[in-house]
């Protein structure tokens, strides 16, 4: 199956692993988002993982 990512497109699922494009950040909840959204002060992953360690 496929999982909806935060770019409003689809990441492919391969044997249970969601594949983000190389330029994307993978959230702990497996969503994909652009790396420029990491550490921007907003919880873009919806689980806060893009703001950890900033």
PDB file of N, CA and C in Angstrom:
ATOM      1  N   UNK A   1       0.810  -1.186   0.000  1.00  0.00           N
ATOM      2  CA  UNK A   1       0.000   0.000   0.000  1.00  0.00           C
ATOM      3  C   UNK A   1       0.854   1.251   0.000  1.00  0.00           C
ATOM      4  N   UNK A   2       0.197   2.373   0.023  1.00  0.00           N
ATOM      5  CA  UNK A   2       0.881   3.654   0.036  1.00  0.00           C
ATOM      6  C   UNK A   2       0.436   4.451   1.255  1.00  0.00           C
ATOM      7  N   UNK A   3       1.298   5.338   1.719  1.00  0.00           N
ATOM      8  CA  UNK A   3       1.001   6.178   2.866  1.00  0.00           C
ATOM      9  C   UNK A   3       1.068   7.627   2.421  1.00  0.00           C
ATOM     10  N   UNK A   4       0.037   8.399   2.752  1.00  0.00           N
ATOM     11  CA  UNK A   4      -0.002   9.813   2.376  1.00  0.00           C
ATOM     12  C   UNK A   4       1.060  10.573   3.146  1.00  0.00           C
ATOM     13  N   UNK A   5       1.891  11.327   2.460  1.00  0.00           N
ATOM     14  CA  UNK A   5       2.920  12.107   3.141  1.00  0.00           C
ATOM     15  C   UNK A   5       2.496  13.570   3.226  1.00  0.00           C
ATOM     16  N   UNK A   6       3.292  14.381   3.885  1.00  0.00           N
ATOM     17  CA  UNK A   6       2.925  15.761   4.147  1.00  0.00           C
ATOM     18  C   UNK A   6       3.169  16.686   2.967  1.00  0.00           C
ATOM     19  N   UNK A   7       3.669  16.151   1.857  1.00  0.00           N
ATOM     20  CA  UNK A   7       3.830  16.948   0.640  1.00  0.00           C
ATOM     21  C   UNK A   7       2.574  16.853  -0.217  1.00  0.00           C
ATOM     22  N   UNK A   8       1.553  16.188   0.283  1.00  0.00           N
ATOM     23  CA  UNK A   8       0.299  15.948  -0.430  1.00  0.00           C
ATOM     24  C   UNK A   8       0.531  15.114  -1.683  1.00  0.00           C
ATOM     25  N   UNK A   9       1.485  14.208  -1.578  1.00  0.00           N
ATOM     26  CA  UNK A   9       1.729  13.224  -2.624  1.00  0.00           C
ATOM     27  C   UNK A   9       1.834  11.878  -1.913  1.00  0.00           C
ATOM     28  N   UNK A  10       2.362  10.889  -2.568  1.00  0.00           N
ATOM     29  CA  UNK A  10       2.423   9.574  -1.938  1.00  0.00           C
ATOM     30  C   UNK A  10       3.833   9.025  -1.889  1.00  0.00           C
ATOM     31  N   UNK A  11       4.203   8.483  -0.723  1.00  0.00           N
ATOM     32  CA  UNK A  11       5.441   7.715  -0.581  1.00  0.00           C
ATOM     33  C   UNK A  11       5.094   6.265  -0.900  1.00  0.00           C
ATOM     34  N   UNK A  12       6.031   5.527  -1.407  1.00  0.00           N
ATOM     35  CA  UNK A  12       5.801   4.118  -1.684  1.00  0.00           C
ATOM     36  C   UNK A  12       6.176   3.285  -0.479  1.00  0.00           C
ATOM     37  N   UNK A  13       5.407   2.244  -0.225  1.00  0.00           N
ATOM     38  CA  UNK A  13       5.707   1.317   0.855  1.00  0.00           C
ATOM     39  C   UNK A  13       6.278   0.048   0.246  1.00  0.00           C
ATOM     40  N   UNK A  14       7.475  -0.337   0.691  1.00  0.00           N
ATOM     41  CA  UNK A  14       8.137  -1.528   0.188  1.00  0.00           C
ATOM     42  C   UNK A  14       8.360  -2.465   1.367  1.00  0.00           C
ATOM     43  N   UNK A  15       7.654  -3.579   1.384  1.00  0.00           N
ATOM     44  CA  UNK A  15       7.738  -4.559   2.463  1.00  0.00           C
ATOM     45  C   UNK A  15       7.605  -3.892   3.826  1.00  0.00           C
ATOM     46  N   UNK A  16       6.617  -3.010   3.962  1.00  0.00           N
ATOM     47  CA  UNK A  16       6.349  -2.372   5.234  1.00  0.00           C
ATOM     48  C   UNK A  16       7.190  -1.155   5.541  1.00  0.00           C
ATOM     49  N   UNK A  17       8.147  -0.808   4.665  1.00  0.00           N
ATOM     50  CA  UNK A  17       8.991   0.362   4.882  1.00  0.00           C
ATOM     51  C   UNK A  17       8.584   1.460   3.912  1.00  0.00           C
ATOM     52  N   UNK A  18       8.287   2.635   4.440  1.00  0.00           N
ATOM     53  CA  UNK A  18       7.921   3.761   3.595  1.00  0.00           C
ATOM     54  C   UNK A  18       9.194   4.397   3.059  1.00  0.00           C
ATOM     55  N   UNK A  19       9.243   4.631   1.753  1.00  0.00           N
ATOM     56  CA  UNK A  19      10.431   5.176   1.110  1.00  0.00           C
ATOM     57  C   UNK A  19      10.202   6.654   0.815  1.00  0.00           C
ATOM     58  N   UNK A  20      10.969   7.522   1.481  1.00  0.00           N
ATOM     59  CA  UNK A  20      10.934   8.957   1.186  1.00  0.00           C
ATOM     60  C   UNK A  20      11.957   9.230   0.088  1.00  0.00           C
ATOM     61  N   UNK A  21      11.754  10.305  -0.667  1.00  0.00           N
ATOM     62  CA  UNK A  21      12.790  10.683  -1.623  1.00  0.00           C
ATOM     63  C   UNK A  21      14.011  11.151  -0.839  1.00  0.00           C
ATOM     64  N   UNK A  22      15.176  11.125  -1.451  1.00  0.00           N
ATOM     65  CA  UNK A  22      16.436  11.407  -0.758  1.00  0.00           C
ATOM     66  C   UNK A  22      16.451  12.787  -0.114  1.00  0.00           C
ATOM     67  N   UNK A  23      15.758  13.755  -0.695  1.00  0.00           N
ATOM     68  CA  UNK A  23      15.760  15.122  -0.170  1.00  0.00           C
ATOM     69  C   UNK A  23      14.809  15.304   1.011  1.00  0.00           C
ATOM     70  N   UNK A  24      14.044  14.278   1.355  1.00  0.00           N
ATOM     71  CA  UNK A  24      13.053  14.388   2.424  1.00  0.00           C
ATOM     72  C   UNK A  24      13.571  13.901   3.766  1.00  0.00           C
ATOM     73  N   UNK A  25      12.950  14.388   4.823  1.00  0.00           N
ATOM     74  CA  UNK A  25      13.190  13.938   6.189  1.00  0.00           C
ATOM     75  C   UNK A  25      12.110  12.925   6.530  1.00  0.00           C
ATOM     76  N   UNK A  26      12.510  11.824   7.158  1.00  0.00           N
ATOM     77  CA  UNK A  26      11.525  10.827   7.582  1.00  0.00           C
ATOM     78  C   UNK A  26      11.211  11.060   9.056  1.00  0.00           C
ATOM     79  N   UNK A  27       9.957  11.326   9.348  1.00  0.00           N
ATOM     80  CA  UNK A  27       9.499  11.507  10.722  1.00  0.00           C
ATOM     81  C   UNK A  27       9.455  10.157  11.435  1.00  0.00           C
ATOM     82  N   UNK A  28       9.433  10.189  12.766  1.00  0.00           N
ATOM     83  CA  UNK A  28       9.312   8.941  13.527  1.00  0.00           C
ATOM     84  C   UNK A  28       8.010   8.216  13.217  1.00  0.00           C
ATOM     85  N   UNK A  29       6.967   8.954  12.852  1.00  0.00           N
ATOM     86  CA  UNK A  29       5.688   8.329  12.501  1.00  0.00           C
ATOM     87  C   UNK A  29       5.646   7.904  11.035  1.00  0.00           C
ATOM     88  N   UNK A  30       6.803   7.941  10.376  1.00  0.00           N
ATOM     89  CA  UNK A  30       7.016   7.466   9.006  1.00  0.00           C
ATOM     90  C   UNK A  30       6.531   8.412   7.920  1.00  0.00           C
ATOM     91  N   UNK A  31       6.011   9.589   8.259  1.00  0.00           N
ATOM     92  CA  UNK A  31       5.663  10.570   7.233  1.00  0.00           C
ATOM     93  C   UNK A  31       6.940  11.133   6.618  1.00  0.00           C
ATOM     94  N   UNK A  32       6.839  11.674   5.422  1.00  0.00           N
ATOM     95  CA  UNK A  32       7.958  12.311   4.734  1.00  0.00           C
ATOM     96  C   UNK A  32       7.664  13.803   4.635  1.00  0.00           C
ATOM     97  N   UNK A  33       8.689  14.616   4.851  1.00  0.00           N
ATOM     98  CA  UNK A  33       8.514  16.049   4.652  1.00  0.00           C
ATOM     99  C   UNK A  33       9.817  16.673   4.179  1.00  0.00           C
ATOM    100  N   UNK A  34       9.737  17.841   3.549  1.00  0.00           N
ATOM    101  CA  UNK A  34      10.951  18.493   3.039  1.00  0.00           C
ATOM    102  C   UNK A  34      11.921  18.806   4.172  1.00  0.00           C
ATOM    103  N   UNK A  35      13.213  18.625   3.940  1.00  0.00           N
ATOM    104  CA  UNK A  35      14.207  18.847   4.994  1.00  0.00           C
ATOM    105  C   UNK A  35      14.208  20.290   5.481  1.00  0.00           C
ATOM    106  N   UNK A  36      13.798  21.243   4.653  1.00  0.00           N
ATOM    107  CA  UNK A  36      13.777  22.629   5.110  1.00  0.00           C
ATOM    108  C   UNK A  36      12.706  22.874   6.169  1.00  0.00           C
ATOM    109  N   UNK A  37      11.794  21.924   6.365  1.00  0.00           N
ATOM    110  CA  UNK A  37      10.776  22.044   7.410  1.00  0.00           C
ATOM    111  C   UNK A  37      11.297  21.562   8.760  1.00  0.00           C
ATOM    112  N   UNK A  38      12.451  20.888   8.788  1.00  0.00           N
ATOM    113  CA  UNK A  38      13.030  20.378  10.030  1.00  0.00           C
ATOM    114  C   UNK A  38      13.612  21.551  10.820  1.00  0.00           C
ATOM    115  N   UNK A  39      13.350  21.569  12.120  1.00  0.00           N
ATOM    116  CA  UNK A  39      13.860  22.615  13.033  1.00  0.00           C
ATOM    117  C   UNK A  39      13.387  24.014  12.643  1.00  0.00           C
ATOM    118  N   UNK A  40      12.153  24.117  12.158  1.00  0.00           N
ATOM    119  CA  UNK A  40      11.620  25.434  11.790  1.00  0.00           C
ATOM    120  C   UNK A  40      10.666  25.984  12.849  1.00  0.00           C
ATOM    121  N   UNK A  41      10.605  25.314  14.007  1.00  0.00           N
ATOM    122  CA  UNK A  41       9.745  25.776  15.090  1.00  0.00           C
ATOM    123  C   UNK A  41       8.301  25.342  14.968  1.00  0.00           C
ATOM    124  N   UNK A  42       7.988  24.530  13.956  1.00  0.00           N
ATOM    125  CA  UNK A  42       6.626  24.039  13.763  1.00  0.00           C
ATOM    126  C   UNK A  42       6.631  22.520  13.783  1.00  0.00           C
ATOM    127  N   UNK A  43       5.610  21.946  14.374  1.00  0.00           N
ATOM    128  CA  UNK A  43       5.479  20.498  14.477  1.00  0.00           C
ATOM    129  C   UNK A  43       4.894  19.948  13.180  1.00  0.00           C
ATOM    130  N   UNK A  44       5.704  19.898  12.140  1.00  0.00           N
ATOM    131  CA  UNK A  44       5.228  19.461  10.828  1.00  0.00           C
ATOM    132  C   UNK A  44       4.981  17.960  10.753  1.00  0.00           C
ATOM    133  N   UNK A  45       5.726  17.176  11.517  1.00  0.00           N
ATOM    134  CA  UNK A  45       5.556  15.719  11.506  1.00  0.00           C
ATOM    135  C   UNK A  45       4.293  15.275  12.241  1.00  0.00           C
ATOM    136  N   UNK A  46       3.721  16.125  13.045  1.00  0.00           N
ATOM    137  CA  UNK A  46       2.567  15.823  13.874  1.00  0.00           C
ATOM    138  C   UNK A  46       2.918  14.929  15.048  1.00  0.00           C
ATOM    139  N   UNK A  47       4.181  14.507  15.162  1.00  0.00           N
ATOM    140  CA  UNK A  47       4.625  13.765  16.351  1.00  0.00           C
ATOM    141  C   UNK A  47       5.801  14.482  17.017  1.00  0.00           C
ATOM    142  N   UNK A  48       6.175  15.642  16.481  1.00  0.00           N
ATOM    143  CA  UNK A  48       7.244  16.453  17.049  1.00  0.00           C
ATOM    144  C   UNK A  48       8.649  16.024  16.680  1.00  0.00           C
ATOM    145  N   UNK A  49       8.793  14.940  15.925  1.00  0.00           N
ATOM    146  CA  UNK A  49      10.132  14.411  15.656  1.00  0.00           C
ATOM    147  C   UNK A  49      10.973  15.318  14.762  1.00  0.00           C
ATOM    148  N   UNK A  50      10.349  16.203  14.005  1.00  0.00           N
ATOM    149  CA  UNK A  50      11.123  17.124  13.166  1.00  0.00           C
ATOM    150  C   UNK A  50      11.692  18.295  13.966  1.00  0.00           C
ATOM    151  N   UNK A  51      11.338  18.393  15.241  1.00  0.00           N
ATOM    152  CA  UNK A  51      11.840  19.481  16.089  1.00  0.00           C
ATOM    153  C   UNK A  51      12.738  18.975  17.218  1.00  0.00           C
ATOM    154  N   UNK A  52      13.040  17.689  17.246  1.00  0.00           N
ATOM    155  CA  UNK A  52      13.899  17.115  18.286  1.00  0.00           C
ATOM    156  C   UNK A  52      15.354  17.482  18.014  1.00  0.00           C
ATOM    157  N   UNK A  53      16.051  17.941  19.036  1.00  0.00           N
ATOM    158  CA  UNK A  53      17.476  18.235  18.931  1.00  0.00           C
ATOM    159  C   UNK A  53      17.806  19.528  18.211  1.00  0.00           C
ATOM    160  N   UNK A  54      16.846  20.410  18.080  1.00  0.00           N
ATOM    161  CA  UNK A  54      17.072  21.672  17.357  1.00  0.00           C
ATOM    162  C   UNK A  54      17.677  22.732  18.267  1.00  0.00           C
TER     163      UNK A  54
END
